C-alpha atoms as a PDB file:
ATOM      1  CA  MET A   1      -6.518  -6.694  -6.749  1.00  0.00           C
ATOM      2  CA  THR A   2      -8.155  -3.301  -6.424  1.00  0.00           C
ATOM      3  CA  LYS A   3     -10.355  -2.133  -3.578  1.00  0.00           C
ATOM      4  CA  THR A   4     -13.450  -2.645  -5.745  1.00  0.00           C
ATOM      5  CA  GLU A   5     -12.408  -6.220  -6.489  1.00  0.00           C
ATOM      6  CA  LEU A   6     -11.724  -6.826  -2.786  1.00  0.00           C
ATOM      7  CA  ILE A   7     -15.197  -5.546  -1.909  1.00  0.00           C
ATOM      8  CA  SER A   8     -16.743  -7.968  -4.425  1.00  0.00           C
ATOM      9  CA  VAL A   9     -14.770 -10.934  -3.064  1.00  0.00           C
ATOM     10  CA  VAL A  10     -15.633 -10.098   0.560  1.00  0.00           C
ATOM     11  CA  ALA A  11     -19.306  -9.633  -0.342  1.00  0.00           C
ATOM     12  CA  ASN A  12     -19.398 -13.034  -2.084  1.00  0.00           C
ATOM     13  CA  LYS A  13     -17.503 -14.927   0.632  1.00  0.00           C
ATOM     14  CA  ALA A  14     -19.479 -13.383   3.511  1.00  0.00           C
ATOM     15  CA  GLY A  15     -22.834 -13.444   1.737  1.00  0.00           C
ATOM     16  CA  LEU A  16     -23.240  -9.685   2.152  1.00  0.00           C
ATOM     17  CA  PRO A  17     -24.442  -6.961  -0.169  1.00  0.00           C
ATOM     18  CA  LYS A  18     -21.561  -5.029  -1.727  1.00  0.00           C
ATOM     19  CA  ALA A  19     -22.554  -1.873   0.182  1.00  0.00           C
ATOM     20  CA  ALA A  20     -22.238  -3.688   3.516  1.00  0.00           C
ATOM     21  CA  ALA A  21     -18.902  -5.228   2.505  1.00  0.00           C
ATOM     22  CA  GLU A  22     -17.614  -1.790   1.496  1.00  0.00           C
ATOM     23  CA  LYS A  23     -18.660  -0.319   4.864  1.00  0.00           C
ATOM     24  CA  ALA A  24     -16.919  -3.171   6.690  1.00  0.00           C
ATOM     25  CA  ILE A  25     -13.689  -2.775   4.716  1.00  0.00           C
ATOM     26  CA  ASN A  26     -13.719   1.010   5.148  1.00  0.00           C
ATOM     27  CA  ALA A  27     -14.370   0.667   8.898  1.00  0.00           C
ATOM     28  CA  THR A  28     -11.499  -1.824   9.201  1.00  0.00           C
ATOM     29  CA  THR A  29      -8.997   0.378   7.390  1.00  0.00           C
ATOM     30  CA  GLU A  30     -10.105   3.452   9.361  1.00  0.00           C
ATOM     31  CA  ALA A  31      -9.706   1.571  12.656  1.00  0.00           C
ATOM     32  CA  ILE A  32      -6.177   0.501  11.668  1.00  0.00           C
ATOM     33  CA  GLU A  33      -5.308   4.069  10.598  1.00  0.00           C
ATOM     34  CA  ASP A  34      -6.655   5.526  13.860  1.00  0.00           C
ATOM     35  CA  ALA A  35      -4.675   3.048  15.961  1.00  0.00           C
ATOM     36  CA  LEU A  36      -1.457   3.781  14.062  1.00  0.00           C
ATOM     37  CA  LYS A  37      -2.006   7.556  14.399  1.00  0.00           C
ATOM     38  CA  LYS A  38      -2.134   7.058  18.182  1.00  0.00           C
ATOM     39  CA  GLY A  39       1.082   5.038  18.047  1.00  0.00           C
ATOM     40  CA  ASP A  40      -0.633   1.726  18.801  1.00  0.00           C
ATOM     41  CA  LYS A  41       0.098  -1.592  17.149  1.00  0.00           C
ATOM     42  CA  VAL A  42      -2.617  -3.655  15.417  1.00  0.00           C
ATOM     43  CA  THR A  43      -2.071  -7.413  15.551  1.00  0.00           C
ATOM     44  CA  LEU A  44      -4.285  -9.802  13.618  1.00  0.00           C
ATOM     45  CA  VAL A  45      -3.200 -13.233  14.869  1.00  0.00           C
ATOM     46  CA  GLY A  46      -2.300 -15.493  11.970  1.00  0.00           C
ATOM     47  CA  PHE A  47      -2.299 -12.592   9.501  1.00  0.00           C
ATOM     48  CA  GLY A  48       0.234 -10.012  10.662  1.00  0.00           C
ATOM     49  CA  THR A  49       0.993  -6.824  12.544  1.00  0.00           C
ATOM     50  CA  PHE A  50       0.598  -3.199  11.514  1.00  0.00           C
ATOM     51  CA  ASP A  51       2.812  -0.698  13.336  1.00  0.00           C
ATOM     52  CA  VAL A  52       4.682   2.553  12.839  1.00  0.00           C
ATOM     53  CA  ALA A  53       8.410   2.705  12.093  1.00  0.00           C
ATOM     54  CA  LYS A  54      10.210   5.857  13.152  1.00  0.00           C
ATOM     55  CA  ARG A  55      12.841   7.130  10.743  1.00  0.00           C
ATOM     56  CA  ALA A  56      15.535   9.402  12.120  1.00  0.00           C
ATOM     57  CA  GLU A  57      16.677  12.569  10.384  1.00  0.00           C
ATOM     58  CA  ARG A  58      19.422  11.785   7.919  1.00  0.00           C
ATOM     59  CA  THR A  59      21.557  13.295   5.205  1.00  0.00           C
ATOM     60  CA  GLY A  60      20.767  12.409   1.618  1.00  0.00           C
ATOM     61  CA  VAL A  61      22.058  13.439  -1.800  1.00  0.00           C
ATOM     62  CA  ASN A  62      20.118  15.265  -4.492  1.00  0.00           C
ATOM     63  CA  PRO A  63      20.715  13.030  -7.520  1.00  0.00           C
ATOM     64  CA  ARG A  64      20.527  15.922  -9.978  1.00  0.00           C
ATOM     65  CA  THR A  65      22.943  18.343  -8.279  1.00  0.00           C
ATOM     66  CA  ARG A  66      24.820  15.925  -5.999  1.00  0.00           C
ATOM     67  CA  ALA A  67      24.271  18.435  -3.182  1.00  0.00           C
ATOM     68  CA  ALA A  68      23.837  17.127   0.353  1.00  0.00           C
ATOM     69  CA  ILE A  69      20.322  17.615   1.738  1.00  0.00           C
ATOM     70  CA  LYS A  70      18.764  16.937   5.106  1.00  0.00           C
ATOM     71  CA  ILE A  71      15.853  14.524   5.143  1.00  0.00           C
ATOM     72  CA  LYS A  72      13.512  15.212   8.050  1.00  0.00           C
ATOM     73  CA  ALA A  73      12.602  12.580  10.618  1.00  0.00           C
ATOM     74  CA  SER A  74       9.370  10.821   9.754  1.00  0.00           C
ATOM     75  CA  LYS A  75       7.063   7.968  10.616  1.00  0.00           C
ATOM     76  CA  ALA A  76       6.100   5.247   8.159  1.00  0.00           C
ATOM     77  CA  PRO A  77       3.393   2.609   8.445  1.00  0.00           C
ATOM     78  CA  ARG A  78       4.746  -0.920   8.349  1.00  0.00           C
ATOM     79  CA  PHE A  79       3.217  -4.376   7.963  1.00  0.00           C
ATOM     80  CA  ARG A  80       4.910  -7.543   9.108  1.00  0.00           C
ATOM     81  CA  PRO A  81       3.191 -10.737   7.989  1.00  0.00           C
ATOM     82  CA  GLY A  82       2.520 -13.475  10.524  1.00  0.00           C
ATOM     83  CA  LYS A  83       3.922 -16.981  10.260  1.00  0.00           C
ATOM     84  CA  ALA A  84       0.626 -18.561   9.131  1.00  0.00           C
ATOM     85  CA  PHE A  85       0.137 -15.894   6.448  1.00  0.00           C
ATOM     86  CA  LYS A  86       3.684 -16.426   5.142  1.00  0.00           C
ATOM     87  CA  GLU A  87       3.090 -20.171   4.958  1.00  0.00           C
ATOM     88  CA  ILE A  88      -0.150 -19.698   2.985  1.00  0.00           C
ATOM     89  CA  VAL A  89       1.571 -17.357   0.510  1.00  0.00           C
ATOM     90  CA  ASN A  90       4.560 -19.677   0.102  1.00  0.00           C
ATOM     91  CA  LYS A  91       2.329 -22.717  -0.566  1.00  0.00           C
ATOM     92  CA  GLY A  92       1.072 -20.917  -3.670  1.00  0.00           C
ATOM     93  CA  LYS A  93       4.483 -21.266  -5.356  1.00  0.00           C
END
Protein backbone atom coordinates (compact mmCIF):
# COMPACT_ATOMS: atom_id res chain seq x y z
CA MET A 1 0.00 0.00 0.00
CA THR A 2 1.35 3.40 -0.96
CA LYS A 3 0.82 6.64 0.91
CA THR A 4 -1.78 7.71 -1.66
CA GLU A 5 -3.69 4.47 -1.18
CA LEU A 6 -3.49 4.88 2.61
CA ILE A 7 -4.91 8.40 2.33
CA SER A 8 -7.84 7.07 0.27
CA VAL A 9 -8.57 4.29 2.78
CA VAL A 10 -8.40 6.66 5.76
CA ALA A 11 -10.62 9.19 3.99
CA ASN A 12 -13.23 6.50 3.24
CA LYS A 13 -13.18 4.92 6.71
CA ALA A 14 -13.28 8.25 8.56
CA GLY A 15 -15.72 9.93 6.18
CA LEU A 16 -13.25 12.74 5.47
CA PRO A 17 -12.20 14.50 2.30
CA LYS A 18 -8.90 13.20 0.96
CA ALA A 19 -7.20 16.54 1.69
CA ALA A 20 -8.15 16.32 5.37
CA ALA A 21 -7.02 12.68 5.57
CA GLU A 22 -3.69 13.63 3.99
CA LYS A 23 -3.19 16.44 6.52
CA ALA A 24 -3.97 14.05 9.38
CA ILE A 25 -1.56 11.39 8.13
CA ASN A 26 1.19 13.96 7.52
CA ALA A 27 0.66 15.48 10.99
CA THR A 28 0.84 12.01 12.57
CA THR A 29 4.07 11.05 10.83
CA GLU A 30 5.63 14.45 11.61
CA ALA A 31 4.69 14.11 15.29
CA ILE A 32 6.30 10.65 15.43
CA GLU A 33 9.43 11.94 13.66
CA ASP A 34 9.71 14.92 16.04
CA ALA A 35 9.37 12.69 19.11
CA LEU A 36 12.03 10.28 17.84
CA LYS A 37 14.40 13.17 17.02
CA LYS A 38 14.13 14.24 20.68
CA GLY A 39 14.86 10.69 21.80
CA ASP A 40 11.32 10.03 23.01
CA LYS A 41 9.34 6.85 22.51
CA VAL A 42 5.90 6.83 20.84
CA THR A 43 3.55 4.11 22.09
CA LEU A 44 0.21 3.47 20.43
CA VAL A 45 -1.47 0.97 22.76
CA GLY A 46 -2.63 -2.08 20.84
CA PHE A 47 -0.64 -1.09 17.75
CA GLY A 48 3.03 -0.81 18.71
CA THR A 49 5.95 1.33 19.79
CA PHE A 50 8.26 3.55 17.76
CA ASP A 51 11.68 4.23 19.29
CA VAL A 52 15.30 4.83 18.37
CA ALA A 53 17.93 2.09 18.45
CA LYS A 54 21.50 3.20 18.99
CA ARG A 55 24.12 1.36 16.97
CA ALA A 56 27.69 1.41 18.25
CA GLU A 57 30.69 2.03 16.02
CA ARG A 58 31.89 -1.21 14.52
CA THR A 59 34.33 -2.67 12.04
CA GLY A 60 32.98 -3.91 8.74
CA VAL A 61 34.46 -5.33 5.54
CA ASN A 62 34.33 -3.75 2.10
CA PRO A 63 32.98 -6.62 -0.01
CA ARG A 64 34.83 -5.50 -3.13
CA THR A 65 38.33 -5.05 -1.65
CA ARG A 66 37.97 -7.10 1.55
CA ALA A 67 39.54 -4.16 3.40
CA ALA A 68 38.45 -3.48 6.97
CA ILE A 69 36.46 -0.26 7.36
CA LYS A 70 35.05 1.54 10.36
CA ILE A 71 31.30 2.04 10.40
CA LYS A 72 30.32 5.10 12.43
CA ALA A 73 27.91 4.94 15.34
CA SER A 74 24.37 5.77 14.29
CA LYS A 75 20.76 5.85 15.36
CA ALA A 76 18.01 3.95 13.57
CA PRO A 77 14.25 4.25 13.95
CA ARG A 78 12.62 1.04 15.10
CA PHE A 79 9.04 -0.23 15.32
CA ARG A 80 7.96 -3.01 17.62
CA PRO A 81 4.41 -4.23 17.04
CA GLY A 82 2.08 -4.64 20.00
CA LYS A 83 0.49 -7.92 21.00
CA ALA A 84 -2.97 -7.03 19.64
CA PHE A 85 -1.50 -5.92 16.30
CA LYS A 86 0.49 -9.16 16.00
CA GLU A 87 -2.64 -11.19 16.70
CA ILE A 88 -4.61 -9.32 14.01
CA VAL A 89 -1.85 -9.88 11.44
CA ASN A 90 -1.49 -13.56 12.33
CA LYS A 91 -5.26 -14.17 12.03
CA GLY A 92 -4.96 -13.22 8.36
CA LYS A 93 -2.95 -16.39 7.62
